[in-house]
Amino acid sequence: MSTAEVNGEPAARAAPNPADDAPHLLVVDDDRRIRALLSRFLLGAGYRVSTAETAAEARAKLAGLKFDLLILDVMMPGESGFDFAQSIRTTSTVPILMLTARDEAENRIKGLEIGADDYLAKPFEPRELALRVANILKRARPPAAAPVESVRFGPFVYHLARGELRRGEEVIRLTDREREMLRVLAASIGETVPRQALAGNGDAVSERTVDVQVNRLRRKIERDPSNPLIVQTVRGVGYRLVASS
C-alpha cells in the first residue's frame, strides 16, 4: 500500500470535527505514514480516530478509552497483530479488522479463528476499507428496540399510537391534556418524568397546573387517588408511571 495514497487513490481530507457520538476507531500499525494516512481517510469518512504504534500502546489506550472498532496490522515487531488480537479476545468483544501485506488463505483463516471480524490485505482501495468498517459496525450494533405499542398498569391498557385508554372492553374518556401526559409517561414507563415534560407546549403552564392535571388523571385510573400506586410522585422532580408486572 502506498503511503502517499491508498492503492493509487488520494486519501480523503480529514473532517474537522467528527460528531461526538461518531464511532471511535483505534488504528494500530507500526508504520507512522500508514497510521497518518488511515487516520486522515477515516476522519474524512466521519469517524473519530486514535492511533497506536505498538500492541503495548494500543493496550494502554484500550485501558482508558472505549473503542467501537480496532483496525489492527498483523505484521508488527514484538507482539504481532495475531497475538494482540488473541489477547484482546480473552476479555473483550470489540470488533477487529485485521490488515496485512499477506493474502495467503492460511493467514486469513488464522485471523478469523482467533476472533477477528474481518480481514483486509494490503494494498486495498479506500472505499473497500470504508465499506468493511461500516459493515462491521453495522453488524456489531445492537438491534433497535421495537417501539412500545401499549402499556398495562393495574386493570388498564393504554395504546400509545391511538391515545386510547381501556379497562377491559371499556374505553376511558380522556381529555387531550390527560392523553398527552399519559403518552409521555407511558413512553418512559418506570422512569421519572420531570414536570416540565408534562407541561406541554404552553409557556404559561405552571408546575402547580401540572399537579392539578395529574390529580385529575389519577381520579380516573387510581383505586385511591390520595394514595396513588400507578402514577407516583417523585418529590421535587415529577412523576413516574408504574407498569403491571
C-alpha atoms as a PDB file:
ATOM      1  CA  MET A   1       0.000   0.000   0.000  1.00  0.00           C
ATOM      2  CA  SER A   2       1.386   3.379  -0.965  1.00  0.00           C
ATOM      3  CA  THR A   3       1.761   5.768   1.930  1.00  0.00           C
ATOM      4  CA  ALA A   4       1.103   8.862  -0.200  1.00  0.00           C
ATOM      5  CA  GLU A   5      -2.136   7.399  -1.419  1.00  0.00           C
ATOM      6  CA  VAL A   6      -4.034   4.174  -0.884  1.00  0.00           C
ATOM      7  CA  ASN A   7      -3.641   1.933  -3.937  1.00  0.00           C
ATOM      8  CA  GLY A   8      -3.484   4.864  -6.320  1.00  0.00           C
ATOM      9  CA  GLU A   9      -6.381   6.849  -4.850  1.00  0.00           C
ATOM     10  CA  PRO A  10      -5.763  10.033  -2.828  1.00  0.00           C
ATOM     11  CA  ALA A  11      -6.771   9.854   0.793  1.00  0.00           C
ATOM     12  CA  ALA A  12      -9.906  11.712   1.827  1.00  0.00           C
ATOM     13  CA  ARG A  13      -9.446  15.005   3.605  1.00  0.00           C
ATOM     14  CA  ALA A  14      -9.958  14.886   7.322  1.00  0.00           C
ATOM     15  CA  ALA A  15     -13.289  16.029   8.681  1.00  0.00           C
ATOM     16  CA  PRO A  16     -12.514  18.940  11.020  1.00  0.00           C
ATOM     17  CA  ASN A  17     -14.922  17.900  13.744  1.00  0.00           C
ATOM     18  CA  PRO A  18     -16.398  14.390  13.741  1.00  0.00           C
ATOM     19  CA  ALA A  19     -19.630  14.145  15.695  1.00  0.00           C
ATOM     20  CA  ASP A  20     -19.204  13.451  19.408  1.00  0.00           C
ATOM     21  CA  ASP A  21     -21.211  10.252  19.031  1.00  0.00           C
ATOM     22  CA  ALA A  22     -19.397   9.066  15.880  1.00  0.00           C
ATOM     23  CA  PRO A  23     -17.845   5.582  16.183  1.00  0.00           C
ATOM     24  CA  HIS A  24     -14.374   5.721  17.715  1.00  0.00           C
ATOM     25  CA  LEU A  25     -11.753   3.660  15.848  1.00  0.00           C
ATOM     26  CA  LEU A  26      -8.278   2.651  17.006  1.00  0.00           C
ATOM     27  CA  VAL A  27      -5.717   2.164  14.213  1.00  0.00           C
ATOM     28  CA  VAL A  28      -2.739   0.035  15.300  1.00  0.00           C
ATOM     29  CA  ASP A  29       0.180  -0.037  12.824  1.00  0.00           C
ATOM     30  CA  ASP A  30       3.934   0.301  13.296  1.00  0.00           C
ATOM     31  CA  ASP A  31       4.298   2.381  10.108  1.00  0.00           C
ATOM     32  CA  ARG A  32       3.864   6.057  11.027  1.00  0.00           C
ATOM     33  CA  ARG A  33       2.945   7.113   7.483  1.00  0.00           C
ATOM     34  CA  ILE A  34       0.271   4.431   7.164  1.00  0.00           C
ATOM     35  CA  ARG A  35      -1.181   5.409  10.552  1.00  0.00           C
ATOM     36  CA  ALA A  36      -1.387   9.029   9.391  1.00  0.00           C
ATOM     37  CA  LEU A  37      -2.911   8.049   6.057  1.00  0.00           C
ATOM     38  CA  LEU A  38      -5.586   5.808   7.570  1.00  0.00           C
ATOM     39  CA  SER A  39      -6.324   8.383  10.253  1.00  0.00           C
ATOM     40  CA  ARG A  40      -6.894  11.138   7.652  1.00  0.00           C
ATOM     41  CA  PHE A  41      -9.050   8.920   5.493  1.00  0.00           C
ATOM     42  CA  LEU A  42     -11.226   7.633   8.357  1.00  0.00           C
ATOM     43  CA  LEU A  43     -11.606  11.124   9.814  1.00  0.00           C
ATOM     44  CA  GLY A  44     -12.741  12.214   6.377  1.00  0.00           C
ATOM     45  CA  ALA A  45     -15.324   9.425   6.483  1.00  0.00           C
ATOM     46  CA  GLY A  46     -16.752  10.909   9.691  1.00  0.00           C
ATOM     47  CA  TYR A  47     -15.192   8.649  12.331  1.00  0.00           C
ATOM     48  CA  ARG A  48     -13.315   9.591  15.463  1.00  0.00           C
ATOM     49  CA  VAL A  49      -9.828   8.072  15.214  1.00  0.00           C
ATOM     50  CA  SER A  50      -6.997   7.296  17.615  1.00  0.00           C
ATOM     51  CA  THR A  51      -3.736   5.599  16.657  1.00  0.00           C
ATOM     52  CA  ALA A  52      -1.123   3.383  18.273  1.00  0.00           C
ATOM     53  CA  GLU A  53       2.300   2.248  17.045  1.00  0.00           C
ATOM     54  CA  THR A  54       2.544  -0.980  19.036  1.00  0.00           C
ATOM     55  CA  ALA A  55       0.323  -3.509  20.767  1.00  0.00           C
ATOM     56  CA  ALA A  56       1.541  -2.181  24.125  1.00  0.00           C
ATOM     57  CA  GLU A  57       0.483   1.374  23.246  1.00  0.00           C
ATOM     58  CA  ALA A  58      -2.863   0.111  21.956  1.00  0.00           C
ATOM     59  CA  ARG A  59      -3.425  -1.860  25.160  1.00  0.00           C
ATOM     60  CA  ALA A  60      -2.766   1.262  27.242  1.00  0.00           C
ATOM     61  CA  LYS A  61      -5.331   3.226  25.213  1.00  0.00           C
ATOM     62  CA  LEU A  62      -7.881   0.439  25.483  1.00  0.00           C
ATOM     63  CA  ALA A  63      -7.499   0.555  29.264  1.00  0.00           C
ATOM     64  CA  GLY A  64      -8.652   4.167  29.358  1.00  0.00           C
ATOM     65  CA  LEU A  65     -10.968   4.589  26.368  1.00  0.00           C
ATOM     66  CA  LYS A  66     -13.864   2.744  24.781  1.00  0.00           C
ATOM     67  CA  PHE A  67     -13.472   1.965  21.088  1.00  0.00           C
ATOM     68  CA  ASP A  68     -16.067   0.740  18.609  1.00  0.00           C
ATOM     69  CA  LEU A  69     -13.567  -0.978  16.275  1.00  0.00           C
ATOM     70  CA  LEU A  70      -9.864  -1.892  16.138  1.00  0.00           C
ATOM     71  CA  ILE A  71      -8.024  -1.739  12.804  1.00  0.00           C
ATOM     72  CA  LEU A  72      -5.031  -3.913  13.517  1.00  0.00           C
ATOM     73  CA  ASP A  73      -1.914  -4.545  11.411  1.00  0.00           C
ATOM     74  CA  VAL A  74      -0.734  -8.152  11.582  1.00  0.00           C
ATOM     75  CA  MET A  75       2.994  -7.683  10.919  1.00  0.00           C
ATOM     76  CA  MET A  76       4.174  -5.612  13.890  1.00  0.00           C
ATOM     77  CA  PRO A  77       7.502  -6.016  15.686  1.00  0.00           C
ATOM     78  CA  GLY A  78       7.331  -7.547  19.123  1.00  0.00           C
ATOM     79  CA  GLU A  79       3.787  -8.627  19.840  1.00  0.00           C
ATOM     80  CA  SER A  80       2.194  -9.381  16.466  1.00  0.00           C
ATOM     81  CA  GLY A  81      -1.308  -8.398  15.463  1.00  0.00           C
ATOM     82  CA  PHE A  82      -2.381 -12.032  15.725  1.00  0.00           C
ATOM     83  CA  ASP A  83      -1.047 -12.312  19.282  1.00  0.00           C
ATOM     84  CA  PHE A  84      -2.597  -8.994  20.286  1.00  0.00           C
ATOM     85  CA  ALA A  85      -5.999  -9.872  18.809  1.00  0.00           C
ATOM     86  CA  GLN A  86      -5.962 -13.235  20.580  1.00  0.00           C
ATOM     87  CA  SER A  87      -5.162 -11.495  23.867  1.00  0.00           C
ATOM     88  CA  ILE A  88      -7.917  -8.921  23.354  1.00  0.00           C
ATOM     89  CA  ARG A  89     -10.465 -11.656  22.709  1.00  0.00           C
ATOM     90  CA  THR A  90      -9.981 -13.106  26.194  1.00  0.00           C
ATOM     91  CA  THR A  91     -11.546 -10.011  27.759  1.00  0.00           C
ATOM     92  CA  SER A  92     -13.345  -8.030  25.036  1.00  0.00           C
ATOM     93  CA  THR A  93     -15.754  -8.436  22.138  1.00  0.00           C
ATOM     94  CA  VAL A  94     -14.707  -5.172  20.448  1.00  0.00           C
ATOM     95  CA  PRO A  95     -14.826  -5.691  16.652  1.00  0.00           C
ATOM     96  CA  ILE A  96     -11.426  -6.211  14.969  1.00  0.00           C
ATOM     97  CA  LEU A  97     -10.486  -5.615  11.336  1.00  0.00           C
ATOM     98  CA  MET A  98      -7.044  -7.045  10.552  1.00  0.00           C
ATOM     99  CA  LEU A  99      -4.703  -5.563   7.926  1.00  0.00           C
ATOM    100  CA  THR A 100      -1.779  -7.426   6.434  1.00  0.00           C
ATOM    101  CA  ALA A 101       0.525  -7.418   3.432  1.00  0.00           C
ATOM    102  CA  ARG A 102      -0.023 -11.154   3.190  1.00  0.00           C
ATOM    103  CA  ASP A 103      -3.033 -12.557   1.401  1.00  0.00           C
ATOM    104  CA  GLU A 104      -2.474 -16.257   1.985  1.00  0.00           C
ATOM    105  CA  ALA A 105      -5.564 -18.244   2.936  1.00  0.00           C
ATOM    106  CA  GLU A 106      -3.738 -19.627   5.978  1.00  0.00           C
ATOM    107  CA  ASN A 107      -3.298 -16.166   7.448  1.00  0.00           C
ATOM    108  CA  ARG A 108      -6.888 -15.158   6.710  1.00  0.00           C
ATOM    109  CA  ILE A 109      -8.142 -18.301   8.410  1.00  0.00           C
ATOM    110  CA  LYS A 110      -5.862 -17.764  11.400  1.00  0.00           C
ATOM    111  CA  GLY A 111      -7.130 -14.213  11.871  1.00  0.00           C
ATOM    112  CA  LEU A 112     -10.752 -15.323  11.772  1.00  0.00           C
ATOM    113  CA  GLU A 113     -10.092 -18.273  14.068  1.00  0.00           C
ATOM    114  CA  ILE A 114      -8.707 -16.066  16.822  1.00  0.00           C
ATOM    115  CA  GLY A 115     -11.772 -13.832  16.686  1.00  0.00           C
ATOM    116  CA  ALA A 116     -11.162 -11.128  14.084  1.00  0.00           C
ATOM    117  CA  ASP A 117     -14.350  -9.886  12.444  1.00  0.00           C
ATOM    118  CA  ASP A 118     -12.824  -9.248   9.021  1.00  0.00           C
ATOM    119  CA  TYR A 119      -9.532  -9.368   7.165  1.00  0.00           C
ATOM    120  CA  LEU A 120      -8.192  -6.954   4.528  1.00  0.00           C
ATOM    121  CA  ALA A 121      -4.969  -7.466   2.566  1.00  0.00           C
ATOM    122  CA  LYS A 122      -2.727  -4.562   1.527  1.00  0.00           C
ATOM    123  CA  PRO A 123      -2.872  -2.832  -0.870  1.00  0.00           C
ATOM    124  CA  PHE A 124      -6.562  -2.044  -0.724  1.00  0.00           C
ATOM    125  CA  GLU A 125      -8.968   0.544  -2.066  1.00  0.00           C
ATOM    126  CA  PRO A 126     -10.033   3.198   0.466  1.00  0.00           C
ATOM    127  CA  ARG A 127     -13.679   2.606  -0.428  1.00  0.00           C
ATOM    128  CA  GLU A 128     -13.297  -1.069   0.392  1.00  0.00           C
ATOM    129  CA  LEU A 129     -11.871  -0.205   3.807  1.00  0.00           C
ATOM    130  CA  ALA A 130     -14.729   2.235   4.418  1.00  0.00           C
ATOM    131  CA  LEU A 131     -17.318  -0.357   3.402  1.00  0.00           C
ATOM    132  CA  ARG A 132     -15.787  -3.074   5.565  1.00  0.00           C
ATOM    133  CA  VAL A 133     -15.627  -0.730   8.570  1.00  0.00           C
ATOM    134  CA  ALA A 134     -19.254   0.320   8.057  1.00  0.00           C
ATOM    135  CA  ASN A 135     -20.396  -3.294   7.676  1.00  0.00           C
ATOM    136  CA  ILE A 136     -18.576  -4.442  10.809  1.00  0.00           C
ATOM    137  CA  LEU A 137     -20.031  -1.574  12.839  1.00  0.00           C
ATOM    138  CA  LYS A 138     -23.498  -2.329  11.477  1.00  0.00           C
ATOM    139  CA  ARG A 139     -23.240  -5.988  12.480  1.00  0.00           C
ATOM    140  CA  ALA A 140     -21.965  -5.039  15.935  1.00  0.00           C
ATOM    141  CA  ARG A 141     -24.742  -2.513  16.543  1.00  0.00           C
ATOM    142  CA  PRO A 142     -27.435  -3.891  18.863  1.00  0.00           C
ATOM    143  CA  PRO A 143     -30.825  -4.240  17.183  1.00  0.00           C
ATOM    144  CA  ALA A 144     -33.150  -1.317  17.750  1.00  0.00           C
ATOM    145  CA  ALA A 145     -35.806  -1.973  20.310  1.00  0.00           C
ATOM    146  CA  ALA A 146     -39.266  -2.356  18.867  1.00  0.00           C
ATOM    147  CA  PRO A 147     -41.419   0.696  19.615  1.00  0.00           C
ATOM    148  CA  VAL A 148     -43.774   0.237  22.534  1.00  0.00           C
ATOM    149  CA  GLU A 149     -47.351  -0.061  21.278  1.00  0.00           C
ATOM    150  CA  SER A 150     -49.163  -0.337  24.594  1.00  0.00           C
ATOM    151  CA  VAL A 151     -48.524  -0.433  28.323  1.00  0.00           C
ATOM    152  CA  ARG A 152     -50.518  -2.140  31.052  1.00  0.00           C
ATOM    153  CA  PHE A 153     -50.975  -0.737  34.545  1.00  0.00           C
ATOM    154  CA  GLY A 154     -53.449  -2.083  37.037  1.00  0.00           C
ATOM    155  CA  PRO A 155     -56.611  -3.075  35.140  1.00  0.00           C
ATOM    156  CA  PHE A 156     -55.848  -0.570  32.351  1.00  0.00           C
ATOM    157  CA  VAL A 157     -54.151  -0.779  28.957  1.00  0.00           C
ATOM    158  CA  TYR A 158     -53.001   2.394  27.229  1.00  0.00           C
ATOM    159  CA  HIS A 159     -52.410   2.284  23.441  1.00  0.00           C
ATOM    160  CA  LEU A 160     -49.820   4.955  22.656  1.00  0.00           C
ATOM    161  CA  ALA A 161     -50.446   5.374  18.934  1.00  0.00           C
ATOM    162  CA  ARG A 162     -54.236   5.638  19.330  1.00  0.00           C
ATOM    163  CA  GLY A 163     -54.104   7.560  22.578  1.00  0.00           C
ATOM    164  CA  GLU A 164     -56.729   5.159  23.884  1.00  0.00           C
ATOM    165  CA  LEU A 165     -57.123   4.013  27.484  1.00  0.00           C
ATOM    166  CA  ARG A 166     -59.126   0.835  28.138  1.00  0.00           C
ATOM    167  CA  ARG A 167     -60.238  -1.096  31.163  1.00  0.00           C
ATOM    168  CA  GLY A 168     -61.211  -4.420  29.657  1.00  0.00           C
ATOM    169  CA  GLU A 169     -63.632  -3.540  26.859  1.00  0.00           C
ATOM    170  CA  GLU A 170     -64.474  -0.141  28.341  1.00  0.00           C
ATOM    171  CA  VAL A 171     -62.856   2.924  26.783  1.00  0.00           C
ATOM    172  CA  ILE A 172     -61.980   5.510  29.429  1.00  0.00           C
ATOM    173  CA  ARG A 173     -62.642   9.067  28.293  1.00  0.00           C
ATOM    174  CA  LEU A 174     -59.571  11.296  28.456  1.00  0.00           C
ATOM    175  CA  THR A 175     -59.087  14.989  27.808  1.00  0.00           C
ATOM    176  CA  ASP A 176     -56.409  15.979  25.303  1.00  0.00           C
ATOM    177  CA  ARG A 177     -54.077  17.011  28.127  1.00  0.00           C
ATOM    178  CA  GLU A 178     -54.622  13.764  30.033  1.00  0.00           C
ATOM    179  CA  ARG A 179     -53.998  11.783  26.855  1.00  0.00           C
ATOM    180  CA  GLU A 180     -50.753  13.660  26.160  1.00  0.00           C
ATOM    181  CA  MET A 181     -49.497  13.338  29.746  1.00  0.00           C
ATOM    182  CA  LEU A 182     -50.249   9.626  29.736  1.00  0.00           C
ATOM    183  CA  ARG A 183     -48.424   9.240  26.421  1.00  0.00           C
ATOM    184  CA  VAL A 184     -45.314  10.948  27.810  1.00  0.00           C
ATOM    185  CA  LEU A 185     -45.409   8.870  30.999  1.00  0.00           C
ATOM    186  CA  ALA A 186     -46.038   5.617  29.103  1.00  0.00           C
ATOM    187  CA  ALA A 187     -43.154   6.305  26.694  1.00  0.00           C
ATOM    188  CA  SER A 188     -40.798   6.333  29.713  1.00  0.00           C
ATOM    189  CA  ILE A 189     -42.509   3.665  31.774  1.00  0.00           C
ATOM    190  CA  GLY A 190     -40.906   3.254  35.204  1.00  0.00           C
ATOM    191  CA  GLU A 191     -38.690   6.310  34.727  1.00  0.00           C
ATOM    192  CA  THR A 192     -39.078   9.703  36.354  1.00  0.00           C
ATOM    193  CA  VAL A 193     -40.565  12.306  34.010  1.00  0.00           C
ATOM    194  CA  PRO A 194     -39.936  15.952  35.022  1.00  0.00           C
ATOM    195  CA  ARG A 195     -42.960  18.205  35.459  1.00  0.00           C
ATOM    196  CA  GLN A 196     -41.723  20.397  32.593  1.00  0.00           C
ATOM    197  CA  ALA A 197     -42.019  17.447  30.208  1.00  0.00           C
ATOM    198  CA  LEU A 198     -45.658  17.030  31.215  1.00  0.00           C
ATOM    199  CA  ALA A 199     -46.487  20.720  30.821  1.00  0.00           C
ATOM    200  CA  GLY A 200     -46.991  20.545  27.053  1.00  0.00           C
ATOM    201  CA  ASN A 201     -46.105  23.494  24.833  1.00  0.00           C
ATOM    202  CA  GLY A 202     -47.842  26.198  26.844  1.00  0.00           C
ATOM    203  CA  ASP A 203     -45.309  28.594  28.335  1.00  0.00           C
ATOM    204  CA  ALA A 204     -47.826  29.712  30.930  1.00  0.00           C
ATOM    205  CA  VAL A 205     -48.337  26.201  32.313  1.00  0.00           C
ATOM    206  CA  SER A 206     -47.000  26.115  35.862  1.00  0.00           C
ATOM    207  CA  GLU A 207     -45.860  23.142  37.917  1.00  0.00           C
ATOM    208  CA  ARG A 208     -48.953  23.644  40.039  1.00  0.00           C
ATOM    209  CA  THR A 209     -51.135  23.305  36.929  1.00  0.00           C
ATOM    210  CA  VAL A 210     -49.363  20.037  36.050  1.00  0.00           C
ATOM    211  CA  ASP A 211     -50.026  18.741  39.573  1.00  0.00           C
ATOM    212  CA  VAL A 212     -53.720  19.561  39.210  1.00  0.00           C
ATOM    213  CA  GLN A 213     -53.904  17.811  35.826  1.00  0.00           C
ATOM    214  CA  VAL A 214     -52.124  14.733  37.188  1.00  0.00           C
ATOM    215  CA  ASN A 215     -54.564  14.579  40.085  1.00  0.00           C
ATOM    216  CA  ARG A 216     -57.476  14.629  37.621  1.00  0.00           C
ATOM    217  CA  LEU A 217     -55.859  11.772  35.685  1.00  0.00           C
ATOM    218  CA  ARG A 218     -55.374   9.834  38.928  1.00  0.00           C
ATOM    219  CA  ARG A 219     -59.061  10.045  39.694  1.00  0.00           C
ATOM    220  CA  LYS A 220     -59.690   8.059  36.513  1.00  0.00           C
ATOM    221  CA  ILE A 221     -57.091   5.310  36.996  1.00  0.00           C
ATOM    222  CA  GLU A 222     -56.213   5.035  40.688  1.00  0.00           C
ATOM    223  CA  ARG A 223     -58.217   2.976  43.155  1.00  0.00           C
ATOM    224  CA  ASP A 224     -57.281   5.532  45.837  1.00  0.00           C
ATOM    225  CA  PRO A 225     -56.143   8.824  44.243  1.00  0.00           C
ATOM    226  CA  SER A 226     -54.862  10.043  47.609  1.00  0.00           C
ATOM    227  CA  ASN A 227     -52.539   7.048  47.780  1.00  0.00           C
ATOM    228  CA  PRO A 228     -51.533   6.567  44.125  1.00  0.00           C
ATOM    229  CA  LEU A 229     -49.880   3.331  43.047  1.00  0.00           C
ATOM    230  CA  ILE A 230     -49.849   3.854  39.258  1.00  0.00           C
ATOM    231  CA  VAL A 231     -48.857   7.493  38.713  1.00  0.00           C
ATOM    232  CA  GLN A 232     -46.394   8.028  41.536  1.00  0.00           C
ATOM    233  CA  THR A 233     -44.939  11.333  42.669  1.00  0.00           C
ATOM    234  CA  VAL A 234     -41.160  11.770  42.645  1.00  0.00           C
ATOM    235  CA  ARG A 235     -40.832  14.577  45.155  1.00  0.00           C
ATOM    236  CA  GLY A 236     -39.233  17.724  43.791  1.00  0.00           C
ATOM    237  CA  VAL A 237     -38.862  16.291  40.284  1.00  0.00           C
ATOM    238  CA  GLY A 238     -42.017  14.978  38.663  1.00  0.00           C
ATOM    239  CA  TYR A 239     -43.904  11.697  38.198  1.00  0.00           C
ATOM    240  CA  ARG A 240     -43.438   8.136  37.017  1.00  0.00           C
ATOM    241  CA  LEU A 241     -45.877   5.578  35.635  1.00  0.00           C
ATOM    242  CA  VAL A 242     -45.588   2.129  37.213  1.00  0.00           C
ATOM    243  CA  ALA A 243     -46.490  -0.744  34.909  1.00  0.00           C
ATOM    244  CA  SER A 244     -48.015  -4.037  35.971  1.00  0.00           C
ATOM    245  CA  SER A 245     -45.548  -6.873  36.399  1.00  0.00           C
END
